[in-house]
Amino acid sequence: MELSRLKIPFWKEFGIYKNQHLLYRLDLAILCNSGKLAIECDSEKWHSLPRQKKKDRRRDNYLRKKGWRVLHFPGREISSRLSKCGKTILHQIQKLNGVKKT
């Protein structure tokens, strides 16, 4: 995985909870000094469905209200342009003042 190669700490299947109830599960999460980064790896087949698009928008709006920055990468882009995805993620991490040390 590109994030591992770049030595960026991340969490897979990161749960978002409200009142101890799981609301959403993020594909990847990166905690930064000035915010949080949610990374979604979207299959074109599933995420192009109107019902799923609506769910994705609702989840993204909720996350943004809670201080998350959300990035979506289509599966095709991940497969063919992995280093470009990594550069986009690095740029967002820089905008959020680097990765939070745990």
N, C-alpha and C. Protein backbone atom coordinates (compact mmCIF):
# COMPACT_ATOMS: atom_id res chain seq x y z
N MET A 1 0.85 -1.19 0.00
CA MET A 1 0.00 0.00 0.00
C MET A 1 0.89 1.24 0.00
N GLU A 2 0.50 2.21 -0.77
CA GLU A 2 1.28 3.44 -0.94
C GLU A 2 1.51 4.17 0.38
N LEU A 3 0.52 4.23 1.25
CA LEU A 3 0.68 4.94 2.52
C LEU A 3 1.75 4.28 3.38
N SER A 4 1.80 2.97 3.38
CA SER A 4 2.85 2.27 4.14
C SER A 4 4.22 2.58 3.57
N ARG A 5 4.31 2.56 2.24
CA ARG A 5 5.59 2.87 1.59
C ARG A 5 6.05 4.28 1.93
N LEU A 6 5.09 5.21 2.04
CA LEU A 6 5.41 6.59 2.38
C LEU A 6 5.56 6.81 3.89
N LYS A 7 5.41 5.72 4.65
CA LYS A 7 5.54 5.76 6.12
C LYS A 7 4.53 6.71 6.76
N ILE A 8 3.31 6.69 6.25
CA ILE A 8 2.22 7.50 6.80
C ILE A 8 1.37 6.59 7.68
N PRO A 9 1.26 6.89 8.97
CA PRO A 9 0.41 6.05 9.83
C PRO A 9 -1.06 6.26 9.50
N PHE A 10 -1.78 5.16 9.40
CA PHE A 10 -3.20 5.23 9.06
C PHE A 10 -3.94 4.09 9.74
N TRP A 11 -5.25 4.24 9.81
CA TRP A 11 -6.10 3.21 10.40
C TRP A 11 -7.06 2.73 9.32
N LYS A 12 -7.17 1.40 9.19
CA LYS A 12 -8.12 0.80 8.25
C LYS A 12 -9.45 0.57 8.95
N GLU A 13 -10.53 0.67 8.19
CA GLU A 13 -11.87 0.40 8.71
C GLU A 13 -12.12 1.17 10.01
N PHE A 14 -11.85 2.46 9.98
CA PHE A 14 -11.95 3.34 11.15
C PHE A 14 -13.42 3.65 11.45
N GLY A 15 -13.87 3.31 12.65
CA GLY A 15 -15.26 3.51 13.03
C GLY A 15 -15.55 4.93 13.51
N ILE A 16 -16.68 5.46 13.08
CA ILE A 16 -17.19 6.75 13.56
C ILE A 16 -18.42 6.45 14.40
N TYR A 17 -18.37 6.84 15.66
CA TYR A 17 -19.43 6.49 16.61
C TYR A 17 -20.16 7.73 17.11
N LYS A 18 -21.42 7.52 17.47
CA LYS A 18 -22.21 8.54 18.15
C LYS A 18 -22.97 7.81 19.25
N ASN A 19 -22.76 8.26 20.50
CA ASN A 19 -23.39 7.61 21.65
C ASN A 19 -23.13 6.10 21.67
N GLN A 20 -21.89 5.72 21.43
CA GLN A 20 -21.43 4.34 21.42
C GLN A 20 -22.10 3.48 20.34
N HIS A 21 -22.67 4.12 19.34
CA HIS A 21 -23.31 3.43 18.22
C HIS A 21 -22.51 3.72 16.95
N LEU A 22 -22.13 2.66 16.24
CA LEU A 22 -21.37 2.83 15.01
C LEU A 22 -22.24 3.48 13.93
N LEU A 23 -21.82 4.65 13.47
CA LEU A 23 -22.54 5.33 12.39
C LEU A 23 -21.96 5.00 11.02
N TYR A 24 -20.63 5.10 10.93
CA TYR A 24 -19.95 4.92 9.66
C TYR A 24 -18.63 4.20 9.89
N ARG A 25 -18.17 3.54 8.84
CA ARG A 25 -16.85 2.93 8.86
C ARG A 25 -16.09 3.47 7.66
N LEU A 26 -14.99 4.17 7.95
CA LEU A 26 -14.16 4.76 6.89
C LEU A 26 -13.19 3.71 6.36
N ASP A 27 -12.90 3.76 5.07
CA ASP A 27 -11.91 2.84 4.52
C ASP A 27 -10.56 3.07 5.19
N LEU A 28 -10.13 4.32 5.24
CA LEU A 28 -8.86 4.69 5.88
C LEU A 28 -9.03 6.01 6.60
N ALA A 29 -8.29 6.17 7.69
CA ALA A 29 -8.30 7.44 8.43
C ALA A 29 -6.87 7.81 8.79
N ILE A 30 -6.58 9.10 8.68
CA ILE A 30 -5.28 9.64 9.09
C ILE A 30 -5.57 10.81 10.02
N LEU A 31 -5.00 10.75 11.22
CA LEU A 31 -5.19 11.82 12.19
C LEU A 31 -4.03 12.79 12.07
N CYS A 32 -4.36 14.05 11.82
CA CYS A 32 -3.36 15.09 11.61
C CYS A 32 -3.39 16.10 12.75
N ASN A 33 -2.40 16.96 12.80
CA ASN A 33 -2.30 17.96 13.86
C ASN A 33 -3.43 18.98 13.84
N SER A 34 -3.94 19.30 12.65
CA SER A 34 -4.99 20.32 12.55
C SER A 34 -6.28 19.78 11.94
N GLY A 35 -6.49 18.49 12.06
CA GLY A 35 -7.72 17.91 11.53
C GLY A 35 -7.59 16.43 11.28
N LYS A 36 -8.60 15.87 10.66
CA LYS A 36 -8.65 14.44 10.39
C LYS A 36 -8.95 14.23 8.92
N LEU A 37 -8.35 13.20 8.36
CA LEU A 37 -8.48 12.91 6.94
C LEU A 37 -9.15 11.55 6.75
N ALA A 38 -10.28 11.53 6.07
CA ALA A 38 -10.99 10.30 5.73
C ALA A 38 -10.70 9.98 4.27
N ILE A 39 -10.31 8.75 4.00
CA ILE A 39 -10.00 8.35 2.63
C ILE A 39 -10.91 7.19 2.26
N GLU A 40 -11.65 7.38 1.19
CA GLU A 40 -12.58 6.37 0.72
C GLU A 40 -12.12 5.85 -0.64
N CYS A 41 -12.07 4.53 -0.76
CA CYS A 41 -11.70 3.85 -1.99
C CYS A 41 -12.99 3.33 -2.62
N ASP A 42 -13.45 3.99 -3.65
CA ASP A 42 -14.78 3.74 -4.19
C ASP A 42 -14.75 2.87 -5.44
N SER A 43 -15.49 1.76 -5.39
CA SER A 43 -15.66 0.97 -6.61
C SER A 43 -16.67 1.68 -7.49
N GLU A 44 -16.38 1.76 -8.77
CA GLU A 44 -17.26 2.47 -9.69
C GLU A 44 -18.65 1.83 -9.73
N LYS A 45 -18.69 0.51 -9.69
CA LYS A 45 -19.97 -0.21 -9.79
C LYS A 45 -20.88 0.15 -8.62
N TRP A 46 -20.37 0.09 -7.41
CA TRP A 46 -21.18 0.31 -6.21
C TRP A 46 -21.47 1.79 -5.99
N HIS A 47 -20.46 2.62 -6.08
CA HIS A 47 -20.61 4.04 -5.72
C HIS A 47 -21.23 4.90 -6.83
N SER A 48 -21.54 4.30 -7.96
CA SER A 48 -22.24 5.04 -9.01
C SER A 48 -23.76 4.86 -8.91
N LEU A 49 -24.21 3.98 -8.03
CA LEU A 49 -25.65 3.78 -7.84
C LEU A 49 -26.27 5.00 -7.16
N PRO A 50 -27.41 5.48 -7.63
CA PRO A 50 -28.03 6.68 -7.04
C PRO A 50 -28.23 6.57 -5.53
N ARG A 51 -28.69 5.43 -5.05
CA ARG A 51 -28.92 5.26 -3.61
C ARG A 51 -27.61 5.37 -2.83
N GLN A 52 -26.55 4.78 -3.36
CA GLN A 52 -25.26 4.83 -2.68
C GLN A 52 -24.67 6.23 -2.73
N LYS A 53 -24.85 6.93 -3.85
CA LYS A 53 -24.37 8.32 -3.95
C LYS A 53 -25.01 9.18 -2.87
N LYS A 54 -26.30 8.98 -2.65
CA LYS A 54 -27.01 9.74 -1.62
C LYS A 54 -26.46 9.42 -0.23
N LYS A 55 -26.21 8.14 0.04
CA LYS A 55 -25.63 7.74 1.34
C LYS A 55 -24.24 8.34 1.51
N ASP A 56 -23.45 8.32 0.44
CA ASP A 56 -22.09 8.87 0.50
C ASP A 56 -22.13 10.37 0.80
N ARG A 57 -23.04 11.10 0.14
CA ARG A 57 -23.16 12.54 0.39
C ARG A 57 -23.56 12.82 1.84
N ARG A 58 -24.49 12.04 2.35
CA ARG A 58 -24.95 12.23 3.73
C ARG A 58 -23.79 11.97 4.71
N ARG A 59 -23.05 10.90 4.48
CA ARG A 59 -21.90 10.57 5.33
C ARG A 59 -20.83 11.65 5.24
N ASP A 60 -20.51 12.09 4.02
CA ASP A 60 -19.49 13.12 3.83
C ASP A 60 -19.88 14.42 4.53
N ASN A 61 -21.14 14.81 4.42
CA ASN A 61 -21.61 16.03 5.09
C ASN A 61 -21.47 15.90 6.60
N TYR A 62 -21.83 14.75 7.15
CA TYR A 62 -21.70 14.52 8.59
C TYR A 62 -20.23 14.63 9.01
N LEU A 63 -19.36 13.96 8.26
CA LEU A 63 -17.94 13.97 8.60
C LEU A 63 -17.37 15.39 8.54
N ARG A 64 -17.72 16.14 7.52
CA ARG A 64 -17.21 17.51 7.39
C ARG A 64 -17.66 18.38 8.56
N LYS A 65 -18.90 18.20 8.98
CA LYS A 65 -19.40 18.95 10.14
C LYS A 65 -18.63 18.60 11.41
N LYS A 66 -18.08 17.38 11.45
CA LYS A 66 -17.31 16.93 12.61
C LYS A 66 -15.82 17.19 12.45
N GLY A 67 -15.44 17.95 11.42
CA GLY A 67 -14.04 18.35 11.26
C GLY A 67 -13.18 17.46 10.40
N TRP A 68 -13.79 16.53 9.68
CA TRP A 68 -13.03 15.65 8.80
C TRP A 68 -12.90 16.27 7.42
N ARG A 69 -11.78 16.03 6.78
CA ARG A 69 -11.60 16.33 5.36
C ARG A 69 -11.73 14.98 4.65
N VAL A 70 -12.56 14.90 3.63
CA VAL A 70 -12.88 13.62 2.99
C VAL A 70 -12.31 13.58 1.57
N LEU A 71 -11.58 12.51 1.27
CA LEU A 71 -11.06 12.27 -0.08
C LEU A 71 -11.67 10.98 -0.62
N HIS A 72 -12.09 11.02 -1.87
CA HIS A 72 -12.61 9.83 -2.55
C HIS A 72 -11.69 9.51 -3.72
N PHE A 73 -11.32 8.24 -3.83
CA PHE A 73 -10.53 7.78 -4.97
C PHE A 73 -11.27 6.64 -5.64
N PRO A 74 -11.60 6.78 -6.93
CA PRO A 74 -12.23 5.68 -7.65
C PRO A 74 -11.24 4.51 -7.78
N GLY A 75 -11.77 3.31 -7.77
CA GLY A 75 -10.93 2.12 -7.88
C GLY A 75 -9.99 2.15 -9.07
N ARG A 76 -10.49 2.65 -10.19
CA ARG A 76 -9.67 2.72 -11.40
C ARG A 76 -8.45 3.61 -11.19
N GLU A 77 -8.64 4.72 -10.48
CA GLU A 77 -7.52 5.64 -10.22
C GLU A 77 -6.50 5.01 -9.28
N ILE A 78 -6.99 4.28 -8.28
CA ILE A 78 -6.09 3.61 -7.34
C ILE A 78 -5.25 2.58 -8.09
N SER A 79 -5.88 1.84 -9.00
CA SER A 79 -5.17 0.80 -9.75
C SER A 79 -4.15 1.37 -10.72
N SER A 80 -4.50 2.46 -11.39
CA SER A 80 -3.62 2.95 -12.46
C SER A 80 -2.74 4.13 -12.06
N ARG A 81 -3.10 4.84 -10.99
CA ARG A 81 -2.34 6.05 -10.61
C ARG A 81 -2.12 6.11 -9.11
N LEU A 82 -1.60 5.05 -8.57
CA LEU A 82 -1.43 4.97 -7.12
C LEU A 82 -0.53 6.09 -6.59
N SER A 83 0.56 6.39 -7.29
CA SER A 83 1.46 7.44 -6.79
C SER A 83 0.78 8.80 -6.80
N LYS A 84 -0.12 9.04 -7.77
CA LYS A 84 -0.87 10.30 -7.80
C LYS A 84 -1.80 10.39 -6.58
N CYS A 85 -2.43 9.28 -6.23
CA CYS A 85 -3.28 9.25 -5.04
C CYS A 85 -2.44 9.56 -3.80
N GLY A 86 -1.26 8.97 -3.72
CA GLY A 86 -0.36 9.22 -2.59
C GLY A 86 0.03 10.69 -2.50
N LYS A 87 0.31 11.31 -3.63
CA LYS A 87 0.67 12.74 -3.64
C LYS A 87 -0.50 13.61 -3.18
N THR A 88 -1.70 13.26 -3.59
CA THR A 88 -2.89 14.00 -3.16
C THR A 88 -3.06 13.90 -1.65
N ILE A 89 -2.87 12.70 -1.12
CA ILE A 89 -2.99 12.50 0.33
C ILE A 89 -1.91 13.27 1.07
N LEU A 90 -0.67 13.21 0.58
CA LEU A 90 0.43 13.96 1.21
C LEU A 90 0.14 15.45 1.23
N HIS A 91 -0.40 15.97 0.14
CA HIS A 91 -0.74 17.39 0.06
C HIS A 91 -1.77 17.76 1.13
N GLN A 92 -2.78 16.93 1.30
CA GLN A 92 -3.80 17.20 2.31
C GLN A 92 -3.22 17.11 3.73
N ILE A 93 -2.32 16.16 3.95
CA ILE A 93 -1.66 16.04 5.26
C ILE A 93 -0.86 17.31 5.55
N GLN A 94 -0.16 17.83 4.55
CA GLN A 94 0.60 19.07 4.73
C GLN A 94 -0.33 20.23 5.07
N LYS A 95 -1.49 20.30 4.40
CA LYS A 95 -2.45 21.37 4.69
C LYS A 95 -3.00 21.26 6.11
N LEU A 96 -2.97 20.06 6.67
CA LEU A 96 -3.45 19.83 8.04
C LEU A 96 -2.29 19.78 9.04
N ASN A 97 -1.15 20.36 8.67
CA ASN A 97 0.03 20.49 9.54
C ASN A 97 0.65 19.17 9.98
N GLY A 98 0.65 18.20 9.10
CA GLY A 98 1.34 16.95 9.36
C GLY A 98 0.54 15.94 10.16
N VAL A 99 1.08 14.74 10.21
CA VAL A 99 0.44 13.63 10.92
C VAL A 99 0.62 13.81 12.42
N LYS A 100 -0.43 13.56 13.15
CA LYS A 100 -0.40 13.65 14.61
C LYS A 100 0.43 12.50 15.17
N LYS A 101 1.33 12.82 16.07
CA LYS A 101 2.14 11.78 16.72
C LYS A 101 1.30 11.15 17.82
N THR A 102 1.27 9.82 17.83
CA THR A 102 0.47 9.13 18.84
C THR A 102 1.32 8.63 19.98
